C-alpha atoms as a PDB file:
ATOM      1  CA  MET A   1      48.924  37.632 -60.291  1.00  0.00           C
ATOM      2  CA  ASP A   2      49.916  34.921 -57.909  1.00  0.00           C
ATOM      3  CA  ALA A   3      49.266  37.302 -54.576  1.00  0.00           C
ATOM      4  CA  GLU A   4      45.735  37.811 -56.432  1.00  0.00           C
ATOM      5  CA  ILE A   5      44.843  33.871 -56.436  1.00  0.00           C
ATOM      6  CA  VAL A   6      46.267  33.379 -52.977  1.00  0.00           C
ATOM      7  CA  SER A   7      43.874  36.055 -51.545  1.00  0.00           C
ATOM      8  CA  ARG A   8      40.875  34.207 -53.414  1.00  0.00           C
ATOM      9  CA  SER A   9      42.375  30.605 -52.124  1.00  0.00           C
ATOM     10  CA  CYS A  10      42.027  32.020 -48.443  1.00  0.00           C
ATOM     11  CA  GLU A  11      39.174  33.770 -49.099  1.00  0.00           C
ATOM     12  CA  THR A  12      37.335  30.593 -50.239  1.00  0.00           C
ATOM     13  CA  GLU A  13      38.948  28.311 -47.524  1.00  0.00           C
ATOM     14  CA  VAL A  14      38.069  30.893 -45.165  1.00  0.00           C
ATOM     15  CA  SER A  15      34.507  30.908 -46.528  1.00  0.00           C
ATOM     16  CA  SER A  16      34.408  27.084 -46.530  1.00  0.00           C
ATOM     17  CA  ALA A  17      35.388  26.921 -42.960  1.00  0.00           C
ATOM     18  CA  PHE A  18      32.604  29.690 -41.724  1.00  0.00           C
ATOM     19  CA  VAL A  19      29.949  27.758 -43.818  1.00  0.00           C
ATOM     20  CA  THR A  20      30.984  24.477 -42.137  1.00  0.00           C
ATOM     21  CA  TRP A  21      31.395  26.391 -38.660  1.00  0.00           C
ATOM     22  CA  GLU A  22      28.143  27.769 -38.792  1.00  0.00           C
ATOM     23  CA  ARG A  23      26.333  24.049 -39.771  1.00  0.00           C
ATOM     24  CA  ASN A  24      28.280  22.611 -36.823  1.00  0.00           C
ATOM     25  CA  PHE A  25      27.020  25.026 -34.461  1.00  0.00           C
ATOM     26  CA  SER A  26      23.187  25.150 -35.755  1.00  0.00           C
ATOM     27  CA  LYS A  27      23.694  21.564 -35.071  1.00  0.00           C
ATOM     28  CA  GLU A  28      24.936  22.342 -31.791  1.00  0.00           C
ATOM     29  CA  VAL A  29      22.130  24.902 -31.460  1.00  0.00           C
ATOM     30  CA  SER A  30      19.425  22.542 -32.330  1.00  0.00           C
ATOM     31  CA  MET A  31      20.747  19.710 -29.843  1.00  0.00           C
ATOM     32  CA  LEU A  32      21.081  22.265 -27.257  1.00  0.00           C
ATOM     33  CA  LYS A  33      17.645  23.400 -27.901  1.00  0.00           C
ATOM     34  CA  LEU A  34      16.502  19.459 -28.070  1.00  0.00           C
ATOM     35  CA  ALA A  35      17.990  18.657 -25.159  1.00  0.00           C
ATOM     36  CA  PHE A  36      16.330  21.777 -23.490  1.00  0.00           C
ATOM     37  CA  PHE A  37      12.806  20.353 -24.607  1.00  0.00           C
ATOM     38  CA  VAL A  38      13.122  17.125 -23.146  1.00  0.00           C
ATOM     39  CA  ALA A  39      14.687  18.117 -20.130  1.00  0.00           C
ATOM     40  CA  MET A  40      11.422  20.125 -19.223  1.00  0.00           C
ATOM     41  CA  CYS A  41       9.248  17.709 -20.000  1.00  0.00           C
ATOM     42  CA  LEU A  42      11.059  15.664 -18.087  1.00  0.00           C
ATOM     43  CA  ILE A  43      10.808  18.030 -14.938  1.00  0.00           C
ATOM     44  CA  GLY A  44       7.107  18.744 -15.747  1.00  0.00           C
ATOM     45  CA  TYR A  45       6.954  14.740 -15.462  1.00  0.00           C
ATOM     46  CA  VAL A  46       8.662  14.288 -12.254  1.00  0.00           C
ATOM     47  CA  SER A  47       7.004  17.647 -11.098  1.00  0.00           C
ATOM     48  CA  GLN A  48       3.433  16.136 -11.778  1.00  0.00           C
ATOM     49  CA  SER A  49       4.339  12.394 -10.282  1.00  0.00           C
ATOM     50  CA  SER A  50       5.385  13.770  -7.028  1.00  0.00           C
ATOM     51  CA  ALA A  51       2.754  15.400  -6.739  1.00  0.00           C
ATOM     52  CA  GLN A  52       0.839  12.400  -7.462  1.00  0.00           C
ATOM     53  CA  ASN A  53       3.128   9.766  -5.166  1.00  0.00           C
ATOM     54  CA  LYS A  54       2.551  12.501  -1.803  1.00  0.00           C
ATOM     55  CA  PHE A  55      -1.014  11.063  -1.760  1.00  0.00           C
ATOM     56  CA  GLN A  56      -2.149   7.606  -0.817  1.00  0.00           C
ATOM     57  CA  GLU A  57      -3.405   5.264  -4.157  1.00  0.00           C
ATOM     58  CA  ASP A  58      -5.394   2.076  -4.361  1.00  0.00           C
ATOM     59  CA  SER A  59      -6.260   0.605  -7.310  1.00  0.00           C
ATOM     60  CA  ILE A  60      -9.281  -1.621  -7.905  1.00  0.00           C
ATOM     61  CA  LYS A  61      -9.711  -4.162 -10.307  1.00  0.00           C
ATOM     62  CA  THR A  62     -12.666  -3.966 -12.812  1.00  0.00           C
ATOM     63  CA  SER A  63     -13.855  -5.431 -15.667  1.00  0.00           C
ATOM     64  CA  ARG A  64     -12.516  -3.315 -18.255  1.00  0.00           C
ATOM     65  CA  GLY A  65      -8.969  -2.786 -16.337  1.00  0.00           C
ATOM     66  CA  ASP A  66      -7.932  -1.323 -12.673  1.00  0.00           C
ATOM     67  CA  LEU A  67      -9.464   1.696 -11.498  1.00  0.00           C
ATOM     68  CA  ARG A  68      -6.746   3.444  -9.938  1.00  0.00           C
ATOM     69  CA  ILE A  69      -7.867   5.840  -6.630  1.00  0.00           C
ATOM     70  CA  THR A  70      -5.742   9.004  -5.758  1.00  0.00           C
ATOM     71  CA  PHE A  71      -6.774  10.311  -1.413  1.00  0.00           C
ATOM     72  CA  ILE A  72      -6.052  13.781  -2.073  1.00  0.00           C
ATOM     73  CA  GLY A  73      -8.060  14.318   1.220  1.00  0.00           C
ATOM     74  CA  HIS A  74     -11.180  15.472   3.452  1.00  0.00           C
ATOM     75  CA  ALA A  75     -13.404  15.150   0.327  1.00  0.00           C
ATOM     76  CA  SER A  76     -11.292  14.798  -2.546  1.00  0.00           C
ATOM     77  CA  LEU A  77     -10.367  12.003  -4.556  1.00  0.00           C
ATOM     78  CA  ILE A  78      -8.953  11.236  -8.018  1.00  0.00           C
ATOM     79  CA  PHE A  79     -10.370   7.945 -10.265  1.00  0.00           C
ATOM     80  CA  ASP A  80      -8.063   7.248 -13.028  1.00  0.00           C
ATOM     81  CA  TYR A  81      -9.741   4.555 -15.388  1.00  0.00           C
ATOM     82  CA  ALA A  82      -9.458   3.803 -18.881  1.00  0.00           C
ATOM     83  CA  GLY A  83      -7.373   6.686 -19.838  1.00  0.00           C
ATOM     84  CA  LYS A  84      -9.505   9.150 -18.189  1.00  0.00           C
ATOM     85  CA  VAL A  85      -9.164  11.341 -15.241  1.00  0.00           C
ATOM     86  CA  ILE A  86     -12.208  12.134 -12.819  1.00  0.00           C
ATOM     87  CA  TYR A  87     -12.024  14.454  -9.941  1.00  0.00           C
ATOM     88  CA  ILE A  88     -14.378  14.218  -6.882  1.00  0.00           C
ATOM     89  CA  ASP A  89     -15.071  17.950  -5.178  1.00  0.00           C
ATOM     90  CA  PRO A  90     -11.586  19.437  -6.303  1.00  0.00           C
ATOM     91  CA  VAL A  91     -10.184  21.880  -3.515  1.00  0.00           C
ATOM     92  CA  ASN A  92      -7.000  23.846  -3.593  1.00  0.00           C
ATOM     93  CA  ALA A  93      -6.902  23.623   0.161  1.00  0.00           C
ATOM     94  CA  GLN A  94      -6.019  20.056  -0.242  1.00  0.00           C
ATOM     95  CA  ALA A  95      -3.726  19.826  -3.267  1.00  0.00           C
ATOM     96  CA  ASP A  96      -1.663  21.904  -5.552  1.00  0.00           C
ATOM     97  CA  TYR A  97      -3.845  20.856  -8.631  1.00  0.00           C
ATOM     98  CA  SER A  98      -1.417  22.829 -11.473  1.00  0.00           C
ATOM     99  CA  LYS A  99       0.924  19.415 -10.760  1.00  0.00           C
ATOM    100  CA  PHE A 100      -1.795  17.523 -12.171  1.00  0.00           C
ATOM    101  CA  PRO A 101      -3.463  16.431 -15.602  1.00  0.00           C
ATOM    102  CA  LYS A 102      -6.442  18.172 -16.937  1.00  0.00           C
ATOM    103  CA  ALA A 103      -9.535  16.740 -15.972  1.00  0.00           C
ATOM    104  CA  ASP A 104     -11.769  14.402 -18.189  1.00  0.00           C
ATOM    105  CA  LEU A 105     -14.712  14.830 -15.672  1.00  0.00           C
ATOM    106  CA  ILE A 106     -15.484  16.734 -12.782  1.00  0.00           C
ATOM    107  CA  LEU A 107     -18.129  15.691  -9.985  1.00  0.00           C
ATOM    108  CA  ILE A 108     -18.892  18.312  -7.386  1.00  0.00           C
ATOM    109  CA  THR A 109     -21.293  17.046  -4.629  1.00  0.00           C
ATOM    110  CA  HIS A 110     -22.633  20.307  -3.598  1.00  0.00           C
ATOM    111  CA  GLU A 111     -22.151  23.574  -2.982  1.00  0.00           C
ATOM    112  CA  HIS A 112     -19.889  24.270   0.885  1.00  0.00           C
ATOM    113  CA  GLN A 113     -16.335  25.547   0.077  1.00  0.00           C
ATOM    114  CA  ASP A 114     -15.126  21.696   1.490  1.00  0.00           C
ATOM    115  CA  HIS A 115     -16.482  20.995  -1.269  1.00  0.00           C
ATOM    116  CA  LEU A 116     -17.149  23.502  -4.222  1.00  0.00           C
ATOM    117  CA  ASP A 117     -13.828  25.322  -4.772  1.00  0.00           C
ATOM    118  CA  PRO A 118     -14.083  27.215  -8.456  1.00  0.00           C
ATOM    119  CA  GLN A 119     -10.727  28.000  -9.055  1.00  0.00           C
ATOM    120  CA  ALA A 120      -9.159  24.802  -8.812  1.00  0.00           C
ATOM    121  CA  ILE A 121     -12.165  23.599 -11.117  1.00  0.00           C
ATOM    122  CA  GLN A 122     -10.878  26.680 -13.683  1.00  0.00           C
ATOM    123  CA  GLY A 123      -7.275  25.394 -13.443  1.00  0.00           C
ATOM    124  CA  LEU A 124      -8.229  21.653 -14.244  1.00  0.00           C
ATOM    125  CA  ARG A 125     -10.641  22.164 -16.773  1.00  0.00           C
ATOM    126  CA  ASN A 126     -10.038  22.680 -20.094  1.00  0.00           C
ATOM    127  CA  ASP A 127     -12.687  22.497 -23.587  1.00  0.00           C
ATOM    128  CA  LYS A 128     -13.396  19.027 -23.541  1.00  0.00           C
ATOM    129  CA  THR A 129     -13.797  18.891 -19.877  1.00  0.00           C
ATOM    130  CA  ARG A 130     -17.731  17.400 -18.200  1.00  0.00           C
ATOM    131  CA  ILE A 131     -18.556  18.934 -15.348  1.00  0.00           C
ATOM    132  CA  ILE A 132     -21.100  17.618 -13.010  1.00  0.00           C
ATOM    133  CA  LEU A 133     -23.066  19.390 -10.042  1.00  0.00           C
ATOM    134  CA  ASN A 134     -25.966  20.195  -7.884  1.00  0.00           C
ATOM    135  CA  GLU A 135     -28.024  22.652  -8.623  1.00  0.00           C
ATOM    136  CA  ALA A 136     -27.061  24.983  -5.949  1.00  0.00           C
ATOM    137  CA  SER A 137     -23.531  24.840  -7.382  1.00  0.00           C
ATOM    138  CA  ALA A 138     -24.401  25.359 -10.674  1.00  0.00           C
ATOM    139  CA  GLY A 139     -23.928  29.500 -10.501  1.00  0.00           C
ATOM    140  CA  GLN A 140     -20.848  29.263  -9.674  1.00  0.00           C
ATOM    141  CA  VAL A 141     -19.126  26.652 -12.350  1.00  0.00           C
ATOM    142  CA  PRO A 142     -20.481  27.879 -15.920  1.00  0.00           C
ATOM    143  CA  GLY A 143     -20.894  25.175 -18.090  1.00  0.00           C
ATOM    144  CA  GLY A 144     -21.672  22.545 -15.607  1.00  0.00           C
ATOM    145  CA  LYS A 145     -24.926  19.527 -16.197  1.00  0.00           C
ATOM    146  CA  VAL A 146     -26.798  19.711 -13.152  1.00  0.00           C
ATOM    147  CA  MET A 147     -28.075  16.542 -11.683  1.00  0.00           C
ATOM    148  CA  LYS A 148     -30.960  16.131  -9.505  1.00  0.00           C
ATOM    149  CA  ASN A 149     -31.550  13.653  -6.589  1.00  0.00           C
ATOM    150  CA  GLY A 150     -32.481  10.224  -8.508  1.00  0.00           C
ATOM    151  CA  ASP A 151     -31.580  11.246 -11.809  1.00  0.00           C
ATOM    152  CA  SER A 152     -29.003   8.945 -14.084  1.00  0.00           C
ATOM    153  CA  MET A 153     -26.731   9.663 -17.135  1.00  0.00           C
ATOM    154  CA  GLU A 154     -23.817   8.214 -19.330  1.00  0.00           C
ATOM    155  CA  VAL A 155     -20.734  10.660 -19.293  1.00  0.00           C
ATOM    156  CA  ASN A 156     -17.515   9.470 -21.140  1.00  0.00           C
ATOM    157  CA  ASN A 157     -18.920   5.890 -21.095  1.00  0.00           C
ATOM    158  CA  LEU A 158     -19.811   5.682 -17.438  1.00  0.00           C
ATOM    159  CA  LEU A 159     -23.201   5.226 -15.976  1.00  0.00           C
ATOM    160  CA  ILE A 160     -23.528   7.981 -13.176  1.00  0.00           C
ATOM    161  CA  GLU A 161     -27.050   7.951 -10.444  1.00  0.00           C
ATOM    162  CA  ALA A 162     -26.939  11.018  -8.290  1.00  0.00           C
ATOM    163  CA  VAL A 163     -28.002   9.859  -4.981  1.00  0.00           C
ATOM    164  CA  PRO A 164     -29.732  11.769  -1.693  1.00  0.00           C
ATOM    165  CA  ALA A 165     -27.398  13.483   0.548  1.00  0.00           C
ATOM    166  CA  TYR A 166     -28.947  15.207   3.602  1.00  0.00           C
ATOM    167  CA  ASN A 167     -29.104  15.603   7.010  1.00  0.00           C
ATOM    168  CA  ILE A 168     -32.013  13.934   9.333  1.00  0.00           C
ATOM    169  CA  VAL A 169     -30.358  14.366  12.974  1.00  0.00           C
ATOM    170  CA  ASN A 170     -27.549  17.040  13.092  1.00  0.00           C
ATOM    171  CA  LYS A 171     -28.733  20.656  12.634  1.00  0.00           C
ATOM    172  CA  ARG A 172     -28.137  24.325  13.063  1.00  0.00           C
ATOM    173  CA  SER A 173     -28.858  26.123  15.686  1.00  0.00           C
ATOM    174  CA  ASP A 174     -31.723  27.781  14.099  1.00  0.00           C
ATOM    175  CA  GLY A 175     -33.080  24.130  13.762  1.00  0.00           C
ATOM    176  CA  ALA A 176     -31.989  23.670   9.917  1.00  0.00           C
ATOM    177  CA  PRO A 177     -30.116  21.394   8.792  1.00  0.00           C
ATOM    178  CA  PHE A 178     -26.905  21.084   7.927  1.00  0.00           C
ATOM    179  CA  HIS A 179     -26.991  19.531   4.445  1.00  0.00           C
ATOM    180  CA  PRO A 180     -31.261  20.333   3.548  1.00  0.00           C
ATOM    181  CA  GLN A 181     -33.077  17.411   1.742  1.00  0.00           C
ATOM    182  CA  GLY A 182     -33.251  17.680  -1.917  1.00  0.00           C
ATOM    183  CA  VAL A 183     -30.177  19.723  -2.409  1.00  0.00           C
ATOM    184  CA  GLY A 184     -27.079  17.836  -2.182  1.00  0.00           C
ATOM    185  CA  ASN A 185     -25.572  14.893  -4.188  1.00  0.00           C
ATOM    186  CA  GLY A 186     -24.081  11.630  -3.785  1.00  0.00           C
ATOM    187  CA  TYR A 187     -23.022   9.728  -6.940  1.00  0.00           C
ATOM    188  CA  ILE A 188     -22.491   6.050  -7.690  1.00  0.00           C
ATOM    189  CA  ILE A 189     -20.249   5.264 -10.780  1.00  0.00           C
ATOM    190  CA  THR A 190     -19.737   2.178 -12.562  1.00  0.00           C
ATOM    191  CA  PHE A 191     -16.516   1.601 -14.029  1.00  0.00           C
ATOM    192  CA  GLY A 192     -16.846  -1.595 -15.595  1.00  0.00           C
ATOM    193  CA  ASP A 193     -18.695  -4.286 -13.230  1.00  0.00           C
ATOM    194  CA  LYS A 194     -17.609  -2.170 -10.287  1.00  0.00           C
ATOM    195  CA  ARG A 195     -19.901   0.484  -8.957  1.00  0.00           C
ATOM    196  CA  VAL A 196     -18.326   3.071  -6.616  1.00  0.00           C
ATOM    197  CA  TYR A 197     -20.710   5.370  -4.265  1.00  0.00           C
ATOM    198  CA  ILE A 198     -19.675   8.515  -3.152  1.00  0.00           C
ATOM    199  CA  ALA A 199     -21.643   9.507  -0.842  1.00  0.00           C
ATOM    200  CA  GLY A 200     -21.323  13.561  -0.233  1.00  0.00           C
ATOM    201  CA  ASP A 201     -21.875  15.017   2.857  1.00  0.00           C
ATOM    202  CA  THR A 202     -25.327  12.953   4.395  1.00  0.00           C
ATOM    203  CA  GLU A 203     -25.932  10.987   7.329  1.00  0.00           C
ATOM    204  CA  ASN A 204     -27.713   6.972   6.781  1.00  0.00           C
ATOM    205  CA  THR A 205     -30.708   8.123   5.372  1.00  0.00           C
ATOM    206  CA  PRO A 206     -33.130   5.600   3.903  1.00  0.00           C
ATOM    207  CA  GLU A 207     -32.151   5.730   0.098  1.00  0.00           C
ATOM    208  CA  MET A 208     -28.640   4.925   1.388  1.00  0.00           C
ATOM    209  CA  LYS A 209     -29.527   2.040   3.428  1.00  0.00           C
ATOM    210  CA  ALA A 210     -31.451   0.519   0.575  1.00  0.00           C
ATOM    211  CA  LEU A 211     -28.771   0.549  -2.352  1.00  0.00           C
ATOM    212  CA  LYS A 212     -27.953  -2.354  -3.814  1.00  0.00           C
ATOM    213  CA  ASN A 213     -24.470  -4.018  -5.222  1.00  0.00           C
ATOM    214  CA  ILE A 214     -22.044  -1.238  -4.065  1.00  0.00           C
ATOM    215  CA  ASP A 215     -18.604  -2.495  -4.412  1.00  0.00           C
ATOM    216  CA  VAL A 216     -16.819   0.994  -2.879  1.00  0.00           C
ATOM    217  CA  ALA A 217     -18.725   3.542  -0.544  1.00  0.00           C
ATOM    218  CA  PHE A 218     -17.048   6.468   0.470  1.00  0.00           C
ATOM    219  CA  LEU A 219     -19.018   7.585   3.695  1.00  0.00           C
ATOM    220  CA  PRO A 220     -18.604  10.800   5.474  1.00  0.00           C
ATOM    221  CA  MET A 221     -17.819  10.627   9.632  1.00  0.00           C
ATOM    222  CA  ASN A 222     -17.969  14.037  11.297  1.00  0.00           C
ATOM    223  CA  LEU A 223     -20.005  15.797  13.713  1.00  0.00           C
ATOM    224  CA  PRO A 224     -22.022  17.806  13.510  1.00  0.00           C
ATOM    225  CA  TYR A 225     -22.142  17.959   9.836  1.00  0.00           C
ATOM    226  CA  THR A 226     -22.503  14.159   8.746  1.00  0.00           C
ATOM    227  CA  MET A 227     -22.125  10.930  10.604  1.00  0.00           C
ATOM    228  CA  THR A 228     -21.045   9.045  13.966  1.00  0.00           C
ATOM    229  CA  PRO A 229     -19.222   6.175  13.338  1.00  0.00           C
ATOM    230  CA  GLU A 230     -22.691   4.376  14.389  1.00  0.00           C
ATOM    231  CA  MET A 231     -23.906   5.590  11.997  1.00  0.00           C
ATOM    232  CA  VAL A 232     -21.582   4.791   9.412  1.00  0.00           C
ATOM    233  CA  ALA A 233     -21.739   1.648  10.581  1.00  0.00           C
ATOM    234  CA  ASP A 234     -25.516   1.147  10.416  1.00  0.00           C
ATOM    235  CA  ALA A 235     -25.762   2.104   7.192  1.00  0.00           C
ATOM    236  CA  ALA A 236     -22.893  -0.191   6.223  1.00  0.00           C
ATOM    237  CA  LYS A 237     -24.423  -3.105   7.578  1.00  0.00           C
ATOM    238  CA  ALA A 238     -27.672  -2.196   5.535  1.00  0.00           C
ATOM    239  CA  PHE A 239     -26.567  -1.693   1.980  1.00  0.00           C
ATOM    240  CA  GLN A 240     -23.228  -4.134   2.661  1.00  0.00           C
ATOM    241  CA  PRO A 241     -20.501  -2.246   0.238  1.00  0.00           C
ATOM    242  CA  LYS A 242     -17.487  -4.720  -0.010  1.00  0.00           C
ATOM    243  CA  ILE A 243     -15.021  -2.349   0.397  1.00  0.00           C
ATOM    244  CA  LEU A 244     -15.812   0.880   2.895  1.00  0.00           C
ATOM    245  CA  TYR A 245     -13.215   3.975   3.151  1.00  0.00           C
ATOM    246  CA  PRO A 246     -14.556   6.442   5.609  1.00  0.00           C
ATOM    247  CA  TYR A 247     -13.684   9.744   4.143  1.00  0.00           C
ATOM    248  CA  HIS A 248     -14.582  13.417   5.363  1.00  0.00           C
ATOM    249  CA  TYR A 249     -13.511  12.007   8.902  1.00  0.00           C
ATOM    250  CA  GLY A 250     -11.905  15.310  10.264  1.00  0.00           C
ATOM    251  CA  GLU A 251     -10.817  14.046  13.785  1.00  0.00           C
ATOM    252  CA  THR A 252     -13.039  11.410  14.207  1.00  0.00           C
ATOM    253  CA  ASP A 253     -11.679   8.271  15.866  1.00  0.00           C
ATOM    254  CA  THR A 254     -11.280   5.563  12.525  1.00  0.00           C
ATOM    255  CA  SER A 255     -10.361   2.878  14.942  1.00  0.00           C
ATOM    256  CA  LYS A 256     -14.125   3.162  16.570  1.00  0.00           C
ATOM    257  CA  LEU A 257     -15.985   2.219  13.177  1.00  0.00           C
ATOM    258  CA  ILE A 258     -13.359  -0.749  12.398  1.00  0.00           C
ATOM    259  CA  GLN A 259     -14.294  -1.935  16.226  1.00  0.00           C
ATOM    260  CA  LEU A 260     -18.099  -1.707  15.085  1.00  0.00           C
ATOM    261  CA  LEU A 261     -18.166  -3.436  11.718  1.00  0.00           C
ATOM    262  CA  MET A 262     -15.158  -6.219  13.039  1.00  0.00           C
ATOM    263  CA  GLY A 263     -18.055  -8.648  12.958  1.00  0.00           C
ATOM    264  CA  GLU A 264     -18.755  -7.899   9.366  1.00  0.00           C
ATOM    265  CA  LYS A 265     -16.363 -10.369   7.163  1.00  0.00           C
ATOM    266  CA  ASN A 266     -18.169  -9.170   3.894  1.00  0.00           C
ATOM    267  CA  ILE A 267     -16.788  -5.793   4.544  1.00  0.00           C
ATOM    268  CA  ASP A 268     -13.164  -4.430   4.067  1.00  0.00           C
ATOM    269  CA  VAL A 269     -12.457  -1.501   5.806  1.00  0.00           C
ATOM    270  CA  ARG A 270      -9.613   0.731   4.962  1.00  0.00           C
ATOM    271  CA  ILE A 271      -8.678   3.488   6.336  1.00  0.00           C
ATOM    272  CA  ARG A 272      -6.522   6.817   4.110  1.00  0.00           C
ATOM    273  CA  SER A 273      -5.503  10.213   4.678  1.00  0.00           C
ATOM    274  CA  MET A 274      -8.651  11.532   4.144  1.00  0.00           C
ATOM    275  CA  LYS A 275      -9.288  14.275   6.757  1.00  0.00           C
END
């Protein structure tokens, strides 16, 4: 009888010890799972931050908070504003967009491959992403909203205006312009009290030179496809942007533009890495 009691007592103690061990083990496993999840989140955050930190950034104050501009390269830009992320002409040749946040809004100026990359767009979009593009790009990007020259619309509480973008002087060997009139768009986006003009591929057209109240302008500067420094200076003197970023400039000497606009005290020329 004593042996049976001892045996039962041992079984009870062993069972109790096993239950305690199992509970502690479960807690340890749960903590390990939580630690792993947190680590993965941090790795993702650091990876995303590192991807963004390799690019130059500027911040522009507006009446509704700061507009942060990330200069990806060539014609590709990112605007962060009021909790929204806006991509301009995202192209995978310029960045690994899988490391960037999903887009609230994507703007495509025209259909040339250094501006329109369907794969990059597909990777950035989700069910809530709005896409604005010109008509010639629409066949490559399902679900986009076409804007034509002169159109304006409000998207995500931002006023967007489509400005003509085309060549007057620079043409192909057959006489056709690299960018025909009526096809490509530039865009003016209003962020609070600031109007930001992204010109797309264009020359110093009459429509550009007639613009008013532009706070920030991105003007292309490379031959034979867009403008010379002289053309950019001519346009800037006409519509007087407060801040001017030459972009899409390839191997063009940006110092020439600085020299040409040296006497324009109201235009702040800023050079960023946008070859």
